[in-house]
Protein backbone atom coordinates (compact mmCIF):
# COMPACT_ATOMS: atom_id res chain seq x y z
CA MET A 1 -66.09 -10.73 -3.38
CA ARG A 2 -62.64 -10.00 -1.92
CA ALA A 3 -60.93 -11.60 -4.91
CA ARG A 4 -63.02 -9.48 -7.27
CA SER A 5 -62.02 -6.31 -5.38
CA ILE A 6 -58.35 -7.22 -5.59
CA ALA A 7 -58.65 -7.96 -9.31
CA THR A 8 -60.43 -4.66 -9.90
CA ALA A 9 -57.78 -2.71 -7.97
CA THR A 10 -55.00 -4.47 -9.88
CA ALA A 11 -56.62 -3.78 -13.24
CA THR A 12 -57.12 -0.13 -12.31
CA ALA A 13 -53.48 0.23 -11.26
CA LEU A 14 -52.24 -1.36 -14.48
CA ALA A 15 -54.53 0.90 -16.51
CA LEU A 16 -53.11 3.96 -14.77
CA VAL A 17 -49.55 2.80 -15.41
CA ALA A 18 -50.39 2.13 -19.05
CA ALA A 19 -51.97 5.55 -19.45
CA ARG A 20 -48.92 7.23 -17.92
CA ASP A 21 -46.58 5.22 -20.16
CA LEU A 22 -48.50 6.18 -23.31
CA VAL A 23 -48.48 9.89 -22.44
CA GLN A 24 -44.87 10.30 -21.21
CA LYS A 25 -42.13 11.05 -23.79
CA LYS A 26 -38.99 10.25 -21.81
CA HIS A 27 -38.81 6.52 -22.55
CA ALA A 28 -39.62 5.32 -26.07
CA LEU A 29 -39.72 1.71 -24.89
CA LEU A 30 -42.51 2.40 -22.40
CA ARG A 31 -44.43 4.50 -24.89
CA ASN A 32 -44.39 1.68 -27.43
CA PHE A 33 -44.82 -1.16 -24.90
CA PRO A 34 -46.76 0.22 -21.92
CA VAL A 35 -46.59 -1.83 -18.71
CA LEU A 36 -44.58 -4.64 -20.37
CA GLY A 37 -41.62 -2.29 -20.90
CA HIS A 38 -41.13 -2.03 -17.14
CA ALA A 39 -39.98 -5.67 -17.10
CA ARG A 40 -36.88 -4.64 -19.02
CA TYR A 41 -35.96 -2.01 -16.45
CA LEU A 42 -36.59 -4.46 -13.62
CA LEU A 43 -34.27 -7.02 -15.18
CA GLU A 44 -31.65 -4.31 -15.75
CA THR A 45 -31.88 -3.30 -12.08
CA ILE A 46 -31.50 -6.82 -10.71
CA GLY A 47 -29.13 -7.97 -13.47
CA PRO A 48 -25.98 -7.81 -11.30
CA GLU A 49 -27.65 -9.95 -8.63
CA LEU A 50 -28.87 -12.47 -11.23
CA ARG A 51 -25.40 -12.75 -12.72
CA GLN A 52 -23.76 -12.91 -9.31
CA TYR A 53 -25.82 -15.77 -7.93
CA ILE A 54 -27.17 -17.64 -10.96
CA VAL A 55 -25.35 -17.02 -14.24
CA THR A 56 -21.62 -16.57 -13.73
CA SER A 57 -19.12 -19.30 -12.91
CA ASN A 58 -16.87 -19.41 -9.85
CA ASP A 59 -14.08 -17.45 -11.56
CA GLU A 60 -15.88 -15.00 -13.86
CA GLU A 61 -16.99 -12.16 -11.63
CA ARG A 62 -15.08 -8.96 -11.05
CA PRO A 63 -13.66 -7.32 -9.01
CA PHE A 64 -13.77 -10.50 -6.89
CA SER A 65 -14.87 -13.88 -8.17
CA ARG A 66 -17.23 -16.14 -6.29
CA ASP A 67 -14.34 -18.38 -5.24
CA GLN A 68 -12.40 -15.41 -3.91
CA ARG A 69 -15.37 -14.07 -1.98
CA THR A 70 -16.13 -17.53 -0.61
CA TRP A 71 -12.55 -17.84 0.66
CA ILE A 72 -12.72 -14.45 2.39
CA TYR A 73 -16.14 -15.12 3.93
CA ALA A 74 -15.10 -18.54 5.23
CA SER A 75 -11.79 -17.18 6.53
CA ALA A 76 -13.49 -14.31 8.36
CA LYS A 77 -15.94 -16.69 10.03
CA GLY A 78 -13.21 -19.13 11.04
CA GLU A 79 -14.85 -21.81 8.90
CA ASN A 80 -13.28 -24.39 6.58
CA ASN A 81 -11.82 -22.34 3.72
CA TYR A 82 -10.48 -25.32 1.80
CA PHE A 83 -11.76 -26.34 -1.65
CA GLY A 84 -12.28 -29.93 -2.71
CA PHE A 85 -11.65 -32.07 -5.80
CA GLY A 86 -8.88 -29.88 -7.21
CA THR A 87 -8.67 -26.60 -9.08
CA ASP A 88 -11.46 -25.47 -11.38
CA ASN A 89 -9.10 -23.05 -13.14
CA ASP A 90 -8.10 -23.86 -16.70
CA VAL A 91 -4.46 -24.30 -15.69
CA GLU A 92 -3.53 -26.02 -18.97
CA HIS A 93 -4.33 -22.97 -21.07
CA MET A 94 -4.61 -19.99 -18.71
CA GLN A 95 -2.45 -17.00 -19.60
CA GLY A 96 -0.88 -14.72 -17.00
CA HIS A 97 -1.49 -16.95 -13.98
CA ALA A 98 1.24 -16.91 -11.32
CA TYR A 99 2.62 -20.16 -9.90
CA LEU A 100 4.93 -20.44 -6.92
CA LYS A 101 7.76 -22.94 -7.09
CA GLN A 102 7.99 -25.00 -3.91
CA ARG A 103 11.33 -26.17 -2.54
CA THR A 104 12.05 -29.70 -1.38
CA PHE A 105 14.27 -28.67 1.52
CA ALA A 106 14.25 -25.60 3.77
CA GLY A 107 16.02 -24.17 6.78
CA ALA A 108 14.40 -23.04 10.02
CA LEU A 109 10.76 -22.01 9.61
CA PRO A 110 8.32 -20.28 12.00
CA ASP A 111 5.48 -22.00 13.84
CA LEU A 112 2.57 -22.25 11.43
CA HIS A 113 0.09 -23.11 14.19
CA ASP A 114 0.28 -19.87 16.16
CA PRO A 115 -3.39 -18.73 16.39
CA GLN A 116 -2.36 -15.07 16.34
CA ALA A 117 -0.19 -15.71 13.25
CA LEU A 118 2.27 -12.99 14.16
CA LEU A 119 4.08 -11.79 11.06
CA PRO A 120 6.02 -8.54 11.57
CA SER A 121 7.55 -6.40 8.88
CA ALA A 122 11.13 -7.18 7.89
CA LYS A 123 11.94 -3.47 8.10
CA VAL A 124 11.76 -0.89 10.87
CA LEU A 125 9.50 1.87 9.59
CA GLY A 126 11.39 5.15 9.85
CA GLY A 127 14.53 3.44 11.12
CA PRO A 128 16.87 4.22 8.20
CA ARG A 129 16.13 7.95 8.49
CA GLY A 130 16.34 7.94 12.29
CA ARG A 131 12.79 9.08 13.02
CA ALA A 132 12.20 9.60 16.72
CA LYS A 133 9.17 7.26 16.72
CA ALA A 134 10.44 4.65 14.29
CA PHE A 135 8.94 1.20 14.88
CA ARG A 136 8.68 -2.27 13.41
CA PRO A 137 5.06 -2.86 12.27
CA ALA A 138 3.71 -5.95 13.99
CA SER A 139 1.86 -7.11 10.87
CA VAL A 140 2.74 -7.18 7.17
CA VAL A 141 -1.03 -7.12 6.46
CA ASN A 142 -2.81 -3.89 7.38
CA ILE A 143 -6.11 -2.13 6.67
CA SER A 144 -5.97 0.34 3.80
CA ALA A 145 -7.28 3.90 3.63
CA MET A 146 -11.07 4.16 3.80
CA SER A 147 -12.53 7.38 5.18
CA PHE A 148 -15.42 7.85 7.56
CA GLY A 149 -17.94 9.40 5.23
CA SER A 150 -17.25 6.86 2.53
CA LEU A 151 -17.81 4.14 5.14
CA SER A 152 -20.35 4.27 7.93
CA GLY A 153 -19.34 4.84 11.52
CA ALA A 154 -20.32 1.26 12.32
CA ALA A 155 -18.05 -0.08 9.57
CA VAL A 156 -15.07 2.05 10.64
CA THR A 157 -15.62 0.96 14.24
CA ALA A 158 -15.66 -2.71 13.23
CA LEU A 159 -12.48 -2.35 11.19
CA ASN A 160 -10.64 -0.46 13.91
CA LYS A 161 -11.62 -2.94 16.60
CA GLY A 162 -10.63 -5.74 14.24
CA ALA A 163 -7.26 -4.09 13.68
CA ALA A 164 -6.74 -3.94 17.43
CA LEU A 165 -7.60 -7.63 17.85
CA ALA A 166 -5.32 -8.69 15.01
CA GLY A 167 -2.48 -6.30 15.82
CA THR A 168 -2.57 -4.47 12.51
CA LEU A 169 -2.41 -0.84 11.47
CA HIS A 170 -5.57 0.96 10.31
CA ASN A 171 -5.28 3.80 7.78
CA THR A 172 -7.77 6.60 8.47
CA GLY A 173 -8.25 7.64 4.86
CA GLU A 174 -8.16 11.30 3.85
CA GLY A 175 -11.49 12.15 5.53
CA GLY A 176 -9.91 12.86 8.89
CA LEU A 177 -9.54 11.02 12.19
CA SER A 178 -13.03 10.31 13.50
CA PRO A 179 -14.24 9.01 16.88
CA TYR A 180 -14.84 5.69 15.14
CA HIS A 181 -11.09 5.34 14.57
CA ARG A 182 -10.51 5.44 18.33
CA ASN A 183 -11.44 1.90 19.25
CA GLY A 184 -8.02 0.49 20.08
CA GLY A 185 -6.38 0.03 16.70
CA ASP A 186 -3.09 1.77 15.88
CA LEU A 187 -3.47 4.30 13.08
CA VAL A 188 -1.79 5.61 9.98
CA LEU A 189 -3.08 9.15 9.52
CA GLN A 190 -3.64 9.96 5.87
CA ILE A 191 -3.43 13.56 4.66
CA GLY A 192 -5.12 14.35 1.37
CA THR A 193 -5.31 17.47 -0.75
CA SER A 194 -8.02 19.02 1.44
CA TYR A 195 -6.03 18.49 4.68
CA PHE A 196 -9.16 17.43 6.53
CA GLY A 197 -8.69 17.74 10.28
CA CYS A 198 -5.52 19.81 9.92
CA ARG A 199 -6.56 22.74 7.73
CA ASN A 200 -7.15 26.46 7.98
CA GLU A 201 -10.47 28.02 7.01
CA ASP A 202 -9.19 28.65 3.48
CA GLY A 203 -8.26 24.97 3.05
CA SER A 204 -4.52 25.41 3.50
CA PHE A 205 -2.45 23.10 5.70
CA ASN A 206 -2.03 23.84 9.42
CA ILE A 207 0.87 22.08 11.18
CA ASP A 208 -0.37 22.94 14.69
CA LYS A 209 -3.73 21.27 14.07
CA LEU A 210 -1.93 18.22 12.72
CA LYS A 211 0.17 18.01 15.88
CA ASP A 212 -2.98 18.23 17.99
CA VAL A 213 -4.60 15.37 16.06
CA VAL A 214 -1.48 13.21 16.34
CA ALA A 215 -1.10 13.92 20.05
CA GLY A 216 -4.64 12.83 20.84
CA ALA A 217 -4.73 9.48 19.06
CA PRO A 218 -2.59 6.32 18.57
CA VAL A 219 -1.10 7.56 15.29
CA LYS A 220 2.00 5.57 14.34
CA ALA A 221 2.77 7.06 10.93
CA ILE A 222 1.61 9.75 8.49
CA GLU A 223 0.77 9.06 4.85
CA ILE A 224 0.55 11.89 2.32
CA LYS A 225 -1.93 10.87 -0.34
CA LEU A 226 -0.90 12.01 -3.81
CA SER A 227 -3.37 9.79 -5.66
CA GLN A 228 -5.13 6.44 -5.54
CA GLY A 229 -5.35 3.78 -8.20
CA ALA A 230 -9.07 3.98 -8.91
CA LYS A 231 -9.15 7.74 -9.56
CA PRO A 232 -5.69 9.33 -9.83
CA GLY A 233 -5.36 13.00 -10.62
CA LEU A 234 -9.00 13.67 -9.78
CA GLY A 235 -10.40 16.08 -7.24
CA GLY A 236 -13.80 15.74 -5.66
CA MET A 237 -16.83 17.58 -4.34
CA LEU A 238 -18.56 16.88 -1.04
CA PRO A 239 -22.03 18.41 -1.40
CA GLY A 240 -23.17 20.66 1.43
CA ALA A 241 -26.15 18.40 2.08
CA LYS A 242 -23.72 15.67 3.17
CA VAL A 243 -21.70 17.95 5.45
CA THR A 244 -23.43 17.00 8.68
CA PRO A 245 -22.39 18.49 12.03
CA GLU A 246 -20.32 15.36 12.69
CA ILE A 247 -18.56 15.47 9.31
CA ALA A 248 -17.98 19.24 9.65
CA GLU A 249 -16.33 18.82 13.04
CA ILE A 250 -14.12 15.90 12.00
CA ARG A 251 -12.97 17.45 8.74
CA GLY A 252 -12.78 21.02 9.93
CA ILE A 253 -15.08 22.42 7.24
CA PRO A 254 -18.15 24.72 7.39
CA LEU A 255 -21.44 23.04 8.19
CA GLY A 256 -23.78 22.57 5.23
CA GLU A 257 -21.45 24.08 2.62
CA ASP A 258 -20.01 22.42 -0.49
CA CYS A 259 -16.40 21.35 -0.01
CA ALA A 260 -14.23 20.92 -3.11
CA SER A 261 -11.12 18.74 -2.88
CA PRO A 262 -8.43 19.88 -5.33
CA SER A 263 -6.69 17.34 -7.53
CA ARG A 264 -3.23 18.45 -6.34
CA HIS A 265 -1.66 19.53 -3.06
CA THR A 266 -1.28 23.22 -2.21
CA ALA A 267 1.34 22.75 0.53
CA PHE A 268 3.94 21.78 -2.11
CA GLY A 269 4.23 21.94 -5.87
CA ASP A 270 7.13 19.70 -6.89
CA VAL A 271 9.29 16.86 -5.60
CA ASP A 272 11.78 19.17 -3.91
CA SER A 273 9.13 21.05 -1.92
CA MET A 274 7.32 17.78 -1.20
CA LEU A 275 10.44 16.44 0.52
CA ASP A 276 10.65 19.64 2.55
CA PHE A 277 7.03 19.03 3.60
CA VAL A 278 7.83 15.41 4.52
CA GLU A 279 10.75 16.49 6.69
CA LEU A 280 8.61 19.16 8.35
CA LEU A 281 6.00 16.61 9.35
CA ALA A 282 8.61 14.13 10.56
CA THR A 283 10.49 16.75 12.57
CA GLU A 284 7.39 18.22 14.20
CA THR A 285 5.76 14.88 15.08
CA GLY A 286 8.66 12.43 15.26
CA LEU A 287 6.61 9.99 13.16
CA PRO A 288 7.61 8.11 10.01
CA VAL A 289 6.18 9.89 6.96
CA GLY A 290 5.46 8.42 3.55
CA ILE A 291 3.47 8.93 0.38
CA LYS A 292 0.70 7.04 -1.38
CA SER A 293 0.38 7.16 -5.14
CA ALA A 294 -0.85 5.39 -8.21
CA VAL A 295 1.71 5.03 -11.00
CA GLY A 296 1.53 6.97 -14.24
CA GLU A 297 4.45 8.97 -15.65
CA MET A 298 7.81 7.99 -14.18
CA GLU A 299 9.64 11.34 -14.01
CA PHE A 300 8.23 11.96 -10.53
CA TRP A 301 9.69 8.72 -9.18
CA GLN A 302 13.04 9.23 -10.89
CA GLU A 303 13.41 12.70 -9.42
CA LEU A 304 12.31 11.48 -5.98
CA ALA A 305 14.88 8.68 -5.98
CA THR A 306 17.61 11.02 -7.24
CA LEU A 307 16.97 13.53 -4.45
CA MET A 308 16.73 10.79 -1.82
CA ALA A 309 20.08 9.37 -2.95
CA ARG A 310 21.71 12.49 -1.49
CA GLY A 311 20.74 11.23 1.97
CA ASP A 312 19.60 14.48 3.59
CA ARG A 313 15.85 14.14 2.90
CA GLY A 314 13.50 11.32 2.05
CA VAL A 315 10.25 9.50 2.59
CA ASP A 316 10.14 6.61 5.03
CA PHE A 317 7.71 4.57 2.95
CA VAL A 318 5.90 4.56 -0.36
CA THR A 319 2.47 3.02 -0.81
CA ILE A 320 1.91 1.97 -4.41
CA ASP A 321 -1.73 1.58 -5.41
CA GLY A 322 -2.70 -0.34 -8.51
CA GLY A 323 -5.24 0.82 -11.07
CA GLU A 324 -7.40 -2.19 -10.16
CA GLY A 325 -7.83 -0.81 -6.63
CA GLY A 326 -11.19 0.16 -5.21
CA THR A 327 -13.02 3.39 -4.53
CA GLY A 328 -16.32 4.55 -3.14
CA ALA A 329 -17.09 6.44 -6.35
CA ALA A 330 -15.20 7.39 -9.50
CA PRO A 331 -15.87 8.11 -13.18
CA LEU A 332 -15.77 4.88 -15.18
CA THR A 333 -12.91 6.10 -17.35
CA PHE A 334 -10.72 6.70 -14.30
CA SER A 335 -11.50 3.30 -12.77
CA ASP A 336 -10.91 1.49 -16.05
CA SER A 337 -8.23 3.42 -17.89
CA VAL A 338 -6.12 5.76 -15.74
CA SER A 339 -2.96 4.57 -13.90
CA LEU A 340 -1.07 1.31 -14.29
CA PRO A 341 -2.17 -2.02 -12.81
CA PHE A 342 -0.37 -2.94 -9.60
CA ARG A 343 2.25 -5.38 -10.86
CA MET A 344 3.41 -3.18 -13.69
CA GLY A 345 3.30 0.05 -11.70
CA PHE A 346 5.00 -1.36 -8.60
CA SER A 347 7.78 -3.06 -10.54
CA ARG A 348 8.60 0.17 -12.38
CA VAL A 349 8.78 2.21 -9.19
CA TYR A 350 10.80 -0.46 -7.37
CA GLY A 351 13.25 -0.56 -10.26
CA VAL A 352 13.87 3.19 -10.01
CA PHE A 353 14.91 2.88 -6.36
CA ALA A 354 16.79 -0.38 -6.95
CA GLU A 355 18.96 1.24 -9.62
CA ARG A 356 20.13 3.71 -6.98
CA GLY A 357 20.61 1.12 -4.22
CA LEU A 358 17.87 2.60 -2.00
CA THR A 359 15.45 -0.30 -1.56
CA ASP A 360 16.65 -1.22 1.95
CA ASP A 361 16.30 2.41 3.07
CA LEU A 362 12.52 2.66 2.77
CA THR A 363 9.49 0.45 3.25
CA PHE A 364 7.43 -0.51 0.21
CA ILE A 365 3.71 -0.91 0.90
CA ALA A 366 1.52 -2.45 -1.79
CA SER A 367 -2.22 -2.12 -2.37
CA GLY A 368 -4.73 -3.00 -5.06
CA LYS A 369 -6.63 -6.29 -4.71
CA LEU A 370 -3.84 -7.89 -2.65
CA GLY A 371 -5.96 -9.36 0.16
CA LEU A 372 -5.81 -12.78 -1.50
CA PRO A 373 -2.81 -15.01 -0.72
CA GLU A 374 -1.62 -15.59 -4.29
CA ASN A 375 -1.79 -11.88 -5.20
CA ALA A 376 -0.05 -10.93 -1.97
CA ALA A 377 2.73 -13.44 -2.60
CA VAL A 378 3.43 -11.87 -5.99
CA ALA A 379 3.58 -8.43 -4.37
CA PHE A 380 6.14 -9.62 -1.82
CA ALA A 381 8.19 -11.29 -4.56
CA LEU A 382 8.29 -7.99 -6.45
CA GLY A 383 9.73 -6.27 -3.37
CA ALA A 384 6.79 -5.24 -1.21
CA ASP A 385 7.41 -5.22 2.54
CA MET A 386 3.77 -4.89 3.60
CA ILE A 387 0.35 -4.97 1.96
CA ASN A 388 -2.81 -2.96 2.60
CA VAL A 389 -6.27 -4.47 2.17
CA ALA A 390 -9.48 -2.50 1.68
CA ARG A 391 -12.31 -4.20 -0.20
CA GLU A 392 -11.26 -7.59 1.18
CA ALA A 393 -11.56 -6.14 4.69
CA MET A 394 -15.01 -4.86 3.73
CA LEU A 395 -15.97 -8.33 2.51
CA SER A 396 -14.82 -9.76 5.84
CA ILE A 397 -17.35 -7.58 7.70
CA GLY A 398 -20.25 -8.37 5.41
CA CYS A 399 -19.87 -6.61 2.03
CA ILE A 400 -21.64 -8.61 -0.70
CA GLN A 401 -20.07 -6.78 -3.68
CA ALA A 402 -23.39 -5.11 -4.48
CA GLN A 403 -21.39 -2.28 -6.10
CA LYS A 404 -23.73 0.39 -4.76
CA CYS A 405 -21.04 2.29 -2.84
CA HIS A 406 -21.61 5.44 -4.91
CA THR A 407 -25.38 5.48 -4.28
CA ASP A 408 -25.29 5.64 -0.45
CA LYS A 409 -27.56 2.58 -0.51
CA CYS A 410 -25.13 -0.15 0.53
CA PRO A 411 -27.45 -2.99 1.63
CA THR A 412 -25.03 -4.22 4.33
CA GLY A 413 -24.54 -0.82 6.01
CA ILE A 414 -20.83 -0.50 5.16
CA ALA A 415 -20.49 2.11 2.40
CA THR A 416 -23.36 4.36 3.44
CA GLN A 417 -24.29 7.17 5.79
CA SER A 418 -27.89 5.99 6.10
CA PRO A 419 -28.62 5.36 9.80
CA TRP A 420 -31.23 2.78 8.86
CA LEU A 421 -28.82 0.74 6.73
CA ALA A 422 -25.84 1.20 9.06
CA ARG A 423 -27.80 -0.12 12.04
CA GLY A 424 -27.78 -3.57 10.41
CA LEU A 425 -24.02 -3.83 10.95
CA ASP A 426 -23.03 -4.97 14.43
CA PRO A 427 -19.49 -3.61 15.06
CA ALA A 428 -18.66 -6.08 17.84
CA SER A 429 -19.28 -9.28 15.88
CA LYS A 430 -17.93 -7.86 12.62
CA ALA A 431 -14.73 -6.74 14.38
CA THR A 432 -14.06 -10.37 15.28
CA ARG A 433 -14.60 -11.40 11.68
CA ALA A 434 -12.20 -8.74 10.42
CA ALA A 435 -9.57 -9.88 12.89
CA VAL A 436 -9.97 -13.54 11.98
CA TYR A 437 -9.66 -12.71 8.27
CA LEU A 438 -6.48 -10.68 8.84
CA ARG A 439 -4.94 -13.47 10.92
CA THR A 440 -5.95 -16.09 8.35
CA LEU A 441 -4.35 -14.12 5.53
CA ARG A 442 -1.14 -13.91 7.53
CA THR A 443 -1.30 -17.65 8.18
CA GLU A 444 -1.74 -18.33 4.46
CA LEU A 445 1.26 -16.14 3.67
CA MET A 446 3.33 -18.05 6.21
CA LYS A 447 2.25 -21.36 4.62
CA ILE A 448 3.17 -20.10 1.17
CA SER A 449 6.53 -18.89 2.43
CA ALA A 450 7.19 -22.27 4.05
CA ALA A 451 6.34 -24.05 0.80
CA VAL A 452 8.89 -21.89 -0.98
CA GLY A 453 11.32 -22.68 1.81
CA VAL A 454 11.68 -19.28 3.45
CA ALA A 455 10.66 -17.93 6.85
CA HIS A 456 8.91 -14.73 5.74
CA PRO A 457 6.98 -13.64 2.62
CA ALA A 458 9.44 -10.77 2.06
CA LEU A 459 12.06 -13.48 1.41
CA ILE A 460 10.14 -14.84 -1.58
CA THR A 461 12.05 -13.72 -4.67
CA ALA A 462 11.01 -12.79 -8.18
CA THR A 463 12.55 -16.05 -9.42
CA ASP A 464 10.41 -18.14 -7.07
CA ILE A 465 7.30 -17.37 -9.13
CA GLU A 466 6.59 -18.07 -12.78
CA ILE A 467 3.98 -16.49 -14.99
CA MET A 468 2.34 -18.99 -17.30
CA ASN A 469 1.45 -18.33 -20.91
CA GLY A 470 -0.85 -21.25 -21.61
CA ASP A 471 0.73 -24.67 -21.76
CA TYR A 472 3.64 -23.69 -24.00
CA GLU A 473 5.66 -21.03 -22.17
CA ALA A 474 6.52 -19.80 -18.66
CA ARG A 475 8.72 -16.93 -17.52
CA THR A 476 9.88 -15.99 -14.06
CA LEU A 477 8.39 -12.91 -12.46
CA ALA A 478 11.85 -11.35 -12.70
CA GLY A 479 11.94 -11.99 -16.44
CA VAL A 480 8.45 -10.63 -17.06
CA TYR A 481 9.12 -7.33 -15.28
CA GLY A 482 12.78 -6.88 -16.19
CA TYR A 483 14.25 -7.37 -12.71
CA LYS A 484 18.01 -7.56 -12.38
CA ASP A 485 19.84 -9.96 -10.05
CA GLY A 486 18.94 -9.20 -6.43
CA TRP A 487 15.98 -6.95 -7.20
CA GLY A 488 12.94 -7.63 -5.05
CA GLU A 489 15.14 -9.15 -2.32
CA LEU A 490 16.04 -7.92 1.14
CA GLY A 491 19.62 -7.04 1.92
CA PRO A 492 21.54 -9.81 3.74
CA HIS A 493 21.32 -8.12 7.15
CA LEU A 494 17.57 -7.58 6.91
CA ALA A 495 17.03 -11.15 5.67
CA GLU A 496 19.02 -12.62 8.55
CA GLU A 497 17.29 -10.39 11.09
CA ILE A 498 13.72 -11.26 10.09
CA THR A 499 14.54 -14.97 9.85
CA ALA A 500 15.97 -14.86 13.38
CA LEU A 501 12.94 -12.94 14.61
CA LEU A 502 10.48 -15.54 13.31
CA THR A 503 12.27 -18.79 14.12
CA THR A 504 12.75 -20.35 17.53
CA GLU A 505 16.28 -21.56 16.88
CA GLN A 506 18.19 -18.27 16.98
CA SER A 507 21.94 -18.20 17.20
CA SER A 508 23.56 -15.72 19.54
CA ASP A 509 24.67 -13.48 16.68
CA GLN A 510 21.19 -13.30 15.11
CA LYS A 511 19.27 -11.60 17.87
CA PRO A 512 16.70 -9.21 16.37
CA THR A 513 16.80 -5.52 17.08
CA ALA A 514 13.81 -3.58 18.32
């Protein structure tokens, strides 16, 4: 009797669905194939999951392959992140793959068994321009800009606590400095076009509010965001429905009202006025000040380097973001087709400063899928001094690459503001995983450096890596990107200083400076 009732209810439900499908005019497929047509939409919905776990090979998926995600997950958990039986890459025929050239002999090398894997920057951030609060970053690997609002409070808390445990910097993102950023990690305060947290009611910049924010938090540097790789030159709209009391207070915007972010800054309108703005921030706060940008036309960079060559004004660092970088949400065209990929964009910008002899006078920070050892090594060889990681840090705290960031339905509670989804993320345990991942990445970079025969990844040169073109041609990284002799390398004094800082056998004339 019960079975008959269930069958009757099922048949009735299917009949109702079929009737609705036949009457509706929105979907031709359902009108022609009632009930059965829904199977197509179901498969379309779960298609990414089917491909992710069943169909694709270890190296096919994007943005991160299964092998790459497996390495990050294992590293974050402190598990065995080795792979057995040899490479499953088609090394005989693969085009564009980078290979590092190991050296047989090497000089003094750092301890590769230090559990904290300390790996400081080779440059003092803000030192060349004499900033009052110049400092040497304790880690060459740091957490990239991801705003509260794009990420949940639980996710930001986990990342900030992880940064504190690993001794890295944590970039706030342009959404303002939230309470979740105040869990022990040192911060880089990012200022975007809306000046969240340091703005007047009309959206213009307010220096006094900035000084108040800086004074009340462990802010070590300020980053002016010009653009990011995944959506350069694009403004945004935060709908009023998402402007909660918490978001309104953090960002300094009216509760429940739409907030439009312009595509360009209003505090300056060209390179000359931008440098005036940089010097204003540095003078008023004492902090190192830099810019973040994707790379498109090169006139901006050429003018910036020309003005900095005069010596009276300049940025302390530049963060170059590749077009393959991540975002919470962006139009497909911008993610796919606007701004140069990291290697091409970074090498062009570095070359502009190298031509003018300025590369030792500022810190180059690289971002855009660089949280994997081989990609990071290439970035350092091209001249990067530090790298920022974003999506890889998200993977370390549980992201499964569901690619639902733009829907506010992130199943792991990271890229969402849903309290129900965010409650699934435990900040305490995930903070430990983030820290272990960051330390492991530093350890891998130290191992790679040792294989090349140098003490620090910034000492890897553009001739230490070759780019393969199948099994019939290989060119050095320097040759591929048109580097001249010495480009991508630290000056002799900086090279000696960082080597002395990392090795135990230091001669009396190689003592590092603070």
